[in-house]
Amino acid sequence: MSEDFDPAAMVARFKERAQAVQKRSLPPVEGAERRRFIEQAQLDYMDFAIIGDADATLDDGILTLRIDLRPKDAGGT
């Protein structure tokens, strides 16, 4: 792994990807294909947003992503 790897920059890129998915326009498709496109966009957003909210650390070559998935009223931020 490169010593130039920046975990915070990686997390920031995932935040940007999540925002890009939300801004993504819907292609001119209909029916089942449209539904699949929307479902995939929702999954992409969720995945990118989760990693984009992570606290990332790199210790001794091990990347750790700490992600609080608790509901906000249960101590989540």
N, C-alpha and C. Protein backbone atom coordinates (compact mmCIF):
# COMPACT_ATOMS: atom_id res chain seq x y z
N MET A 1 0.85 -1.18 0.00
CA MET A 1 0.00 0.00 0.00
C MET A 1 0.89 1.23 0.00
N SER A 2 0.51 2.17 -0.80
CA SER A 2 1.27 3.40 -0.92
C SER A 2 1.22 4.20 0.38
N GLU A 3 2.35 4.81 0.71
CA GLU A 3 2.40 5.65 1.89
C GLU A 3 1.63 6.94 1.67
N ASP A 4 1.24 7.22 0.43
CA ASP A 4 0.48 8.43 0.11
C ASP A 4 -1.01 8.24 0.31
N PHE A 5 -1.45 7.05 0.69
CA PHE A 5 -2.87 6.78 0.87
C PHE A 5 -3.41 7.61 2.02
N ASP A 6 -4.51 8.31 1.77
CA ASP A 6 -5.14 9.18 2.77
C ASP A 6 -6.56 8.68 3.03
N PRO A 7 -6.80 8.02 4.16
CA PRO A 7 -8.12 7.49 4.44
C PRO A 7 -9.21 8.57 4.45
N ALA A 8 -8.89 9.75 4.96
CA ALA A 8 -9.89 10.83 5.00
C ALA A 8 -10.26 11.26 3.59
N ALA A 9 -9.29 11.29 2.69
CA ALA A 9 -9.57 11.65 1.29
C ALA A 9 -10.45 10.59 0.63
N MET A 10 -10.21 9.32 0.96
CA MET A 10 -11.03 8.25 0.41
C MET A 10 -12.48 8.41 0.86
N VAL A 11 -12.68 8.69 2.15
CA VAL A 11 -14.03 8.89 2.68
C VAL A 11 -14.69 10.08 1.99
N ALA A 12 -13.94 11.14 1.77
CA ALA A 12 -14.48 12.33 1.09
C ALA A 12 -14.92 11.98 -0.34
N ARG A 13 -14.15 11.13 -1.02
CA ARG A 13 -14.54 10.72 -2.38
C ARG A 13 -15.86 9.94 -2.36
N PHE A 14 -16.06 9.12 -1.34
CA PHE A 14 -17.32 8.39 -1.25
C PHE A 14 -18.49 9.33 -0.98
N LYS A 15 -18.25 10.38 -0.19
CA LYS A 15 -19.30 11.39 0.02
C LYS A 15 -19.67 12.04 -1.30
N GLU A 16 -18.65 12.37 -2.09
CA GLU A 16 -18.90 12.98 -3.40
C GLU A 16 -19.67 12.02 -4.31
N ARG A 17 -19.33 10.75 -4.26
CA ARG A 17 -20.05 9.77 -5.08
C ARG A 17 -21.51 9.66 -4.67
N ALA A 18 -21.78 9.70 -3.38
CA ALA A 18 -23.16 9.64 -2.90
C ALA A 18 -23.95 10.84 -3.43
N GLN A 19 -23.34 12.02 -3.38
CA GLN A 19 -24.01 13.22 -3.89
C GLN A 19 -24.23 13.11 -5.39
N ALA A 20 -23.27 12.54 -6.11
CA ALA A 20 -23.40 12.39 -7.56
C ALA A 20 -24.55 11.45 -7.92
N VAL A 21 -24.73 10.41 -7.13
CA VAL A 21 -25.84 9.48 -7.39
C VAL A 21 -27.18 10.20 -7.23
N GLN A 22 -27.28 11.06 -6.22
CA GLN A 22 -28.53 11.80 -6.01
C GLN A 22 -28.81 12.75 -7.17
N LYS A 23 -27.76 13.28 -7.78
CA LYS A 23 -27.93 14.25 -8.87
C LYS A 23 -28.03 13.57 -10.23
N ARG A 24 -27.78 12.27 -10.27
CA ARG A 24 -27.79 11.51 -11.52
C ARG A 24 -29.16 11.59 -12.18
N SER A 25 -29.16 11.91 -13.47
CA SER A 25 -30.44 11.98 -14.18
C SER A 25 -30.86 10.57 -14.61
N LEU A 26 -32.14 10.42 -14.77
CA LEU A 26 -32.71 9.14 -15.16
C LEU A 26 -32.64 9.01 -16.68
N PRO A 27 -32.03 7.93 -17.16
CA PRO A 27 -31.97 7.76 -18.62
C PRO A 27 -33.36 7.46 -19.19
N PRO A 28 -33.50 7.62 -20.47
CA PRO A 28 -34.82 7.41 -21.08
C PRO A 28 -35.16 5.92 -21.21
N VAL A 29 -35.43 5.30 -20.07
CA VAL A 29 -35.83 3.88 -20.06
C VAL A 29 -37.18 3.78 -19.38
N GLU A 30 -37.90 2.71 -19.69
CA GLU A 30 -39.23 2.53 -19.12
C GLU A 30 -39.38 1.12 -18.55
N GLY A 31 -40.46 0.95 -17.82
CA GLY A 31 -40.83 -0.37 -17.33
C GLY A 31 -39.85 -0.96 -16.34
N ALA A 32 -39.58 -2.25 -16.52
CA ALA A 32 -38.72 -3.00 -15.59
C ALA A 32 -37.30 -2.44 -15.58
N GLU A 33 -36.81 -2.01 -16.73
CA GLU A 33 -35.45 -1.45 -16.79
C GLU A 33 -35.35 -0.16 -15.97
N ARG A 34 -36.37 0.66 -16.03
CA ARG A 34 -36.40 1.89 -15.24
C ARG A 34 -36.40 1.57 -13.75
N ARG A 35 -37.21 0.59 -13.36
CA ARG A 35 -37.28 0.18 -11.95
C ARG A 35 -35.92 -0.34 -11.47
N ARG A 36 -35.26 -1.15 -12.30
CA ARG A 36 -33.93 -1.67 -11.93
C ARG A 36 -32.92 -0.54 -11.79
N PHE A 37 -32.98 0.44 -12.69
CA PHE A 37 -32.07 1.58 -12.63
C PHE A 37 -32.27 2.35 -11.32
N ILE A 38 -33.51 2.60 -10.96
CA ILE A 38 -33.82 3.34 -9.73
C ILE A 38 -33.38 2.54 -8.51
N GLU A 39 -33.64 1.25 -8.50
CA GLU A 39 -33.23 0.41 -7.37
C GLU A 39 -31.71 0.40 -7.22
N GLN A 40 -31.00 0.31 -8.34
CA GLN A 40 -29.54 0.32 -8.29
C GLN A 40 -29.02 1.66 -7.80
N ALA A 41 -29.64 2.75 -8.23
CA ALA A 41 -29.23 4.08 -7.77
C ALA A 41 -29.43 4.21 -6.26
N GLN A 42 -30.52 3.66 -5.74
CA GLN A 42 -30.77 3.71 -4.30
C GLN A 42 -29.71 2.93 -3.54
N LEU A 43 -29.35 1.75 -4.05
CA LEU A 43 -28.30 0.95 -3.40
C LEU A 43 -26.95 1.65 -3.48
N ASP A 44 -26.64 2.21 -4.64
CA ASP A 44 -25.37 2.93 -4.81
C ASP A 44 -25.29 4.08 -3.80
N TYR A 45 -26.37 4.85 -3.71
CA TYR A 45 -26.38 5.98 -2.78
C TYR A 45 -26.15 5.49 -1.36
N MET A 46 -26.89 4.47 -0.94
CA MET A 46 -26.77 3.97 0.42
C MET A 46 -25.33 3.51 0.71
N ASP A 47 -24.76 2.73 -0.21
CA ASP A 47 -23.40 2.23 0.00
C ASP A 47 -22.39 3.37 0.08
N PHE A 48 -22.46 4.30 -0.87
CA PHE A 48 -21.52 5.42 -0.89
C PHE A 48 -21.70 6.31 0.33
N ALA A 49 -22.96 6.55 0.74
CA ALA A 49 -23.22 7.42 1.89
C ALA A 49 -22.73 6.78 3.18
N ILE A 50 -22.90 5.48 3.32
CA ILE A 50 -22.42 4.80 4.53
C ILE A 50 -20.91 4.95 4.66
N ILE A 51 -20.20 4.66 3.60
CA ILE A 51 -18.73 4.79 3.66
C ILE A 51 -18.34 6.25 3.77
N GLY A 52 -19.11 7.14 3.14
CA GLY A 52 -18.83 8.57 3.23
C GLY A 52 -19.00 9.13 4.63
N ASP A 53 -19.75 8.44 5.49
CA ASP A 53 -19.93 8.86 6.88
C ASP A 53 -18.96 8.18 7.84
N ALA A 54 -18.08 7.37 7.32
CA ALA A 54 -17.17 6.59 8.17
C ALA A 54 -16.05 7.45 8.75
N ASP A 55 -15.58 7.00 9.90
CA ASP A 55 -14.32 7.51 10.45
C ASP A 55 -13.27 6.49 10.04
N ALA A 56 -12.32 6.93 9.22
CA ALA A 56 -11.33 6.00 8.68
C ALA A 56 -9.98 6.22 9.34
N THR A 57 -9.32 5.10 9.67
CA THR A 57 -7.96 5.15 10.20
C THR A 57 -7.11 4.12 9.48
N LEU A 58 -5.84 4.41 9.37
CA LEU A 58 -4.89 3.48 8.77
C LEU A 58 -3.76 3.29 9.78
N ASP A 59 -3.73 2.11 10.38
CA ASP A 59 -2.72 1.80 11.39
C ASP A 59 -1.99 0.54 11.00
N ASP A 60 -0.68 0.65 10.85
CA ASP A 60 0.16 -0.49 10.48
C ASP A 60 -0.34 -1.20 9.23
N GLY A 61 -0.81 -0.43 8.25
CA GLY A 61 -1.26 -1.00 6.99
C GLY A 61 -2.68 -1.57 7.02
N ILE A 62 -3.39 -1.40 8.13
CA ILE A 62 -4.76 -1.91 8.23
C ILE A 62 -5.72 -0.73 8.20
N LEU A 63 -6.58 -0.73 7.18
CA LEU A 63 -7.60 0.31 7.06
C LEU A 63 -8.82 -0.10 7.87
N THR A 64 -9.23 0.77 8.78
CA THR A 64 -10.41 0.51 9.60
C THR A 64 -11.42 1.61 9.34
N LEU A 65 -12.64 1.19 9.01
CA LEU A 65 -13.74 2.12 8.84
C LEU A 65 -14.69 1.92 10.00
N ARG A 66 -14.90 2.97 10.77
CA ARG A 66 -15.83 2.91 11.90
C ARG A 66 -17.09 3.65 11.48
N ILE A 67 -18.20 2.90 11.46
CA ILE A 67 -19.45 3.43 10.95
C ILE A 67 -20.54 3.18 11.98
N ASP A 68 -21.16 4.25 12.46
CA ASP A 68 -22.22 4.13 13.45
C ASP A 68 -23.55 3.98 12.70
N LEU A 69 -24.14 2.80 12.75
CA LEU A 69 -25.39 2.51 12.07
C LEU A 69 -26.59 2.56 13.01
N ARG A 70 -26.35 2.99 14.25
CA ARG A 70 -27.46 3.09 15.18
C ARG A 70 -28.39 4.23 14.78
N PRO A 71 -29.68 4.11 15.08
CA PRO A 71 -30.60 5.22 14.84
C PRO A 71 -30.14 6.45 15.63
N LYS A 72 -30.42 7.62 15.12
CA LYS A 72 -29.96 8.84 15.79
C LYS A 72 -30.40 8.93 17.24
N ASP A 73 -31.60 8.47 17.58
CA ASP A 73 -32.06 8.55 18.96
C ASP A 73 -31.41 7.50 19.87
N ALA A 74 -30.59 6.60 19.29
CA ALA A 74 -29.91 5.58 20.09
C ALA A 74 -28.45 5.91 20.29
N GLY A 75 -28.07 7.15 20.09
CA GLY A 75 -26.69 7.55 20.31
C GLY A 75 -25.91 7.79 19.04
N GLY A 76 -26.52 7.59 17.89
CA GLY A 76 -25.84 7.87 16.64
C GLY A 76 -25.75 9.36 16.39
N THR A 77 -24.84 9.73 15.50
CA THR A 77 -24.66 11.16 15.21
C THR A 77 -25.22 11.52 13.87
